[in-house]
Amino acid sequence: MRTWQVKRRKLTHHLIELGGFAIKAGMVDMTGDDRATIFGALLWMAEKLKSDEHEKALALWAGKMKNHSRQKARPTQS
C-alpha cells in the first residue's frame, strides 16, 4: 500500500470516529441531523478554546465525558 493511501485511511478512520462522537452525544438526533446547527456548535466550541476560557472549557468538557462514561457503566435498576 502506498504512503498516501495509508495516510488517507488514517484520516478517514479519524473523521468517522469524530462523527461517531456527535452521534453518541445525541447531537444528531437532538438537532434532527441539522448539520448547520451541529457545525455551529462546533464553531462555538472552537471559539471557547481560542478564548481566555480555554482551560476552563477543557476541564468542563472532560468532566462531562467522565460523568457520561460513569453513567453508562452503571447497571440500570429495574
N, C-alpha and C. Protein backbone atom coordinates (compact mmCIF):
# COMPACT_ATOMS: atom_id res chain seq x y z
N MET A 1 0.85 -1.18 0.00
CA MET A 1 0.00 0.00 0.00
C MET A 1 0.90 1.24 0.00
N ARG A 2 0.52 2.20 -0.76
CA ARG A 2 1.31 3.43 -0.87
C ARG A 2 1.14 4.30 0.37
N THR A 3 2.13 5.14 0.61
CA THR A 3 2.12 6.02 1.78
C THR A 3 0.89 6.90 1.81
N TRP A 4 0.52 7.47 0.67
CA TRP A 4 -0.65 8.36 0.64
C TRP A 4 -1.92 7.59 0.96
N GLN A 5 -1.98 6.31 0.60
CA GLN A 5 -3.16 5.50 0.91
C GLN A 5 -3.27 5.24 2.41
N VAL A 6 -2.14 4.97 3.03
CA VAL A 6 -2.12 4.75 4.48
C VAL A 6 -2.58 6.02 5.20
N LYS A 7 -2.05 7.16 4.77
CA LYS A 7 -2.44 8.44 5.39
C LYS A 7 -3.92 8.70 5.19
N ARG A 8 -4.41 8.42 3.99
CA ARG A 8 -5.83 8.64 3.69
C ARG A 8 -6.72 7.76 4.56
N ARG A 9 -6.33 6.50 4.74
CA ARG A 9 -7.12 5.59 5.59
C ARG A 9 -7.13 6.05 7.04
N LYS A 10 -6.00 6.51 7.53
CA LYS A 10 -5.94 7.01 8.91
C LYS A 10 -6.84 8.23 9.08
N LEU A 11 -6.78 9.14 8.11
CA LEU A 11 -7.63 10.33 8.16
C LEU A 11 -9.11 9.94 8.11
N THR A 12 -9.46 9.03 7.24
CA THR A 12 -10.85 8.58 7.12
C THR A 12 -11.33 7.96 8.43
N HIS A 13 -10.51 7.12 9.03
CA HIS A 13 -10.86 6.49 10.31
C HIS A 13 -11.07 7.56 11.38
N HIS A 14 -10.18 8.54 11.41
CA HIS A 14 -10.27 9.61 12.40
C HIS A 14 -11.57 10.41 12.24
N LEU A 15 -11.90 10.75 11.00
CA LEU A 15 -13.13 11.51 10.74
C LEU A 15 -14.38 10.72 11.09
N ILE A 16 -14.38 9.44 10.80
CA ILE A 16 -15.52 8.59 11.16
C ILE A 16 -15.67 8.53 12.67
N GLU A 17 -14.55 8.40 13.38
CA GLU A 17 -14.58 8.36 14.84
C GLU A 17 -15.15 9.65 15.41
N LEU A 18 -14.72 10.80 14.88
CA LEU A 18 -15.24 12.09 15.35
C LEU A 18 -16.74 12.22 15.08
N GLY A 19 -17.19 11.76 13.93
CA GLY A 19 -18.62 11.76 13.62
C GLY A 19 -19.39 10.89 14.58
N GLY A 20 -18.79 9.79 14.98
CA GLY A 20 -19.41 8.89 15.95
C GLY A 20 -19.63 9.57 17.29
N PHE A 21 -18.71 10.46 17.66
CA PHE A 21 -18.88 11.20 18.90
C PHE A 21 -20.12 12.08 18.84
N ALA A 22 -20.37 12.70 17.71
CA ALA A 22 -21.56 13.54 17.55
C ALA A 22 -22.82 12.70 17.70
N ILE A 23 -22.79 11.50 17.19
CA ILE A 23 -23.94 10.59 17.31
C ILE A 23 -24.10 10.14 18.76
N LYS A 24 -23.00 9.70 19.39
CA LYS A 24 -23.06 9.24 20.79
C LYS A 24 -23.54 10.33 21.74
N ALA A 25 -23.16 11.57 21.44
CA ALA A 25 -23.57 12.68 22.30
C ALA A 25 -25.03 13.04 22.10
N GLY A 26 -25.65 12.49 21.08
CA GLY A 26 -27.06 12.77 20.82
C GLY A 26 -27.29 14.00 19.97
N MET A 27 -26.21 14.62 19.49
CA MET A 27 -26.34 15.85 18.71
C MET A 27 -27.13 15.64 17.42
N VAL A 28 -26.93 14.51 16.79
CA VAL A 28 -27.59 14.25 15.51
C VAL A 28 -29.10 14.13 15.71
N ASP A 29 -29.50 13.34 16.68
CA ASP A 29 -30.94 13.16 16.95
C ASP A 29 -31.59 14.44 17.48
N MET A 30 -30.89 15.11 18.40
CA MET A 30 -31.49 16.30 19.02
C MET A 30 -31.61 17.48 18.06
N THR A 31 -30.79 17.49 17.00
CA THR A 31 -30.87 18.58 16.03
C THR A 31 -31.62 18.18 14.78
N GLY A 32 -32.13 16.96 14.75
CA GLY A 32 -32.80 16.48 13.55
C GLY A 32 -31.81 16.35 12.39
N ASP A 33 -30.57 16.00 12.72
CA ASP A 33 -29.49 15.86 11.72
C ASP A 33 -29.25 17.15 10.95
N ASP A 34 -29.45 18.28 11.64
CA ASP A 34 -29.21 19.59 11.04
C ASP A 34 -27.73 19.89 11.13
N ARG A 35 -27.04 19.68 10.05
CA ARG A 35 -25.59 19.80 10.04
C ARG A 35 -25.12 21.23 10.26
N ALA A 36 -25.90 22.20 9.85
CA ALA A 36 -25.53 23.60 10.09
C ALA A 36 -25.51 23.88 11.59
N THR A 37 -26.49 23.35 12.30
CA THR A 37 -26.56 23.54 13.75
C THR A 37 -25.40 22.83 14.44
N ILE A 38 -25.12 21.60 14.02
CA ILE A 38 -24.01 20.85 14.62
C ILE A 38 -22.69 21.58 14.35
N PHE A 39 -22.49 22.03 13.12
CA PHE A 39 -21.27 22.75 12.80
C PHE A 39 -21.18 24.05 13.58
N GLY A 40 -22.30 24.73 13.74
CA GLY A 40 -22.32 25.95 14.55
C GLY A 40 -21.91 25.69 15.99
N ALA A 41 -22.38 24.57 16.54
CA ALA A 41 -21.99 24.20 17.91
C ALA A 41 -20.49 23.92 17.98
N LEU A 42 -19.95 23.28 16.97
CA LEU A 42 -18.51 23.01 16.94
C LEU A 42 -17.72 24.30 16.80
N LEU A 43 -18.22 25.25 16.02
CA LEU A 43 -17.56 26.55 15.90
C LEU A 43 -17.58 27.29 17.24
N TRP A 44 -18.69 27.19 17.97
CA TRP A 44 -18.79 27.80 19.29
C TRP A 44 -17.74 27.20 20.22
N MET A 45 -17.58 25.88 20.14
CA MET A 45 -16.56 25.21 20.97
C MET A 45 -15.17 25.72 20.60
N ALA A 46 -14.90 25.85 19.31
CA ALA A 46 -13.59 26.33 18.87
C ALA A 46 -13.32 27.75 19.38
N GLU A 47 -14.37 28.59 19.39
CA GLU A 47 -14.22 29.95 19.91
C GLU A 47 -13.86 29.93 21.39
N LYS A 48 -14.51 29.05 22.13
CA LYS A 48 -14.20 28.91 23.56
C LYS A 48 -12.75 28.51 23.76
N LEU A 49 -12.28 27.59 22.92
CA LEU A 49 -10.90 27.11 23.05
C LEU A 49 -9.88 28.18 22.67
N LYS A 50 -10.28 29.14 21.85
CA LYS A 50 -9.38 30.23 21.47
C LYS A 50 -9.40 31.38 22.48
N SER A 51 -10.34 31.34 23.41
CA SER A 51 -10.52 32.44 24.36
C SER A 51 -9.70 32.21 25.63
N ASP A 52 -9.85 33.15 26.55
CA ASP A 52 -9.18 33.01 27.84
C ASP A 52 -9.86 31.96 28.72
N GLU A 53 -10.97 31.40 28.24
CA GLU A 53 -11.68 30.34 28.97
C GLU A 53 -11.23 28.94 28.52
N HIS A 54 -10.12 28.88 27.81
CA HIS A 54 -9.62 27.62 27.23
C HIS A 54 -9.54 26.49 28.27
N GLU A 55 -8.80 26.71 29.33
CA GLU A 55 -8.59 25.67 30.35
C GLU A 55 -9.90 25.28 31.04
N LYS A 56 -10.71 26.29 31.33
CA LYS A 56 -11.99 26.05 31.99
C LYS A 56 -12.90 25.19 31.11
N ALA A 57 -12.94 25.50 29.82
CA ALA A 57 -13.76 24.73 28.88
C ALA A 57 -13.27 23.30 28.76
N LEU A 58 -11.96 23.11 28.64
CA LEU A 58 -11.42 21.75 28.55
C LEU A 58 -11.77 20.93 29.79
N ALA A 59 -11.62 21.52 30.96
CA ALA A 59 -11.93 20.81 32.20
C ALA A 59 -13.42 20.46 32.28
N LEU A 60 -14.27 21.41 31.91
CA LEU A 60 -15.71 21.18 31.94
C LEU A 60 -16.10 20.05 31.00
N TRP A 61 -15.61 20.10 29.76
CA TRP A 61 -15.98 19.10 28.77
C TRP A 61 -15.41 17.73 29.10
N ALA A 62 -14.19 17.69 29.62
CA ALA A 62 -13.61 16.40 30.02
C ALA A 62 -14.40 15.81 31.18
N GLY A 63 -14.84 16.66 32.10
CA GLY A 63 -15.65 16.19 33.22
C GLY A 63 -16.98 15.64 32.75
N LYS A 64 -17.59 16.27 31.77
CA LYS A 64 -18.85 15.78 31.22
C LYS A 64 -18.67 14.39 30.60
N MET A 65 -17.56 14.19 29.91
CA MET A 65 -17.30 12.89 29.30
C MET A 65 -17.13 11.82 30.37
N LYS A 66 -16.41 12.16 31.44
CA LYS A 66 -16.20 11.20 32.53
C LYS A 66 -17.53 10.84 33.19
N ASN A 67 -18.37 11.85 33.43
CA ASN A 67 -19.69 11.58 34.03
C ASN A 67 -20.54 10.71 33.11
N HIS A 68 -20.50 11.00 31.83
CA HIS A 68 -21.25 10.21 30.85
C HIS A 68 -20.79 8.76 30.87
N SER A 69 -19.48 8.56 30.90
CA SER A 69 -18.92 7.21 30.91
C SER A 69 -19.32 6.47 32.18
N ARG A 70 -19.29 7.16 33.31
CA ARG A 70 -19.69 6.53 34.58
C ARG A 70 -21.16 6.12 34.55
N GLN A 71 -22.01 6.98 34.02
CA GLN A 71 -23.44 6.68 33.95
C GLN A 71 -23.70 5.49 33.04
N LYS A 72 -22.97 5.39 31.96
CA LYS A 72 -23.14 4.27 31.03
C LYS A 72 -22.66 2.97 31.64
N ALA A 73 -21.65 3.06 32.54
CA ALA A 73 -21.07 1.86 33.15
C ALA A 73 -21.95 1.30 34.26
N ARG A 74 -22.78 2.13 34.85
CA ARG A 74 -23.66 1.67 35.95
C ARG A 74 -24.77 0.78 35.39
N PRO A 75 -25.00 -0.33 36.05
CA PRO A 75 -26.15 -1.15 35.63
C PRO A 75 -27.45 -0.46 36.00
N THR A 76 -28.40 -0.50 35.12
CA THR A 76 -29.69 0.11 35.40
C THR A 76 -30.50 -0.79 36.32
N GLN A 77 -31.20 -0.14 37.25
CA GLN A 77 -32.04 -0.88 38.19
C GLN A 77 -33.47 -0.86 37.70
N SER A 78 -34.10 -2.02 37.74
CA SER A 78 -35.50 -2.09 37.31
C SER A 78 -36.42 -2.20 38.47
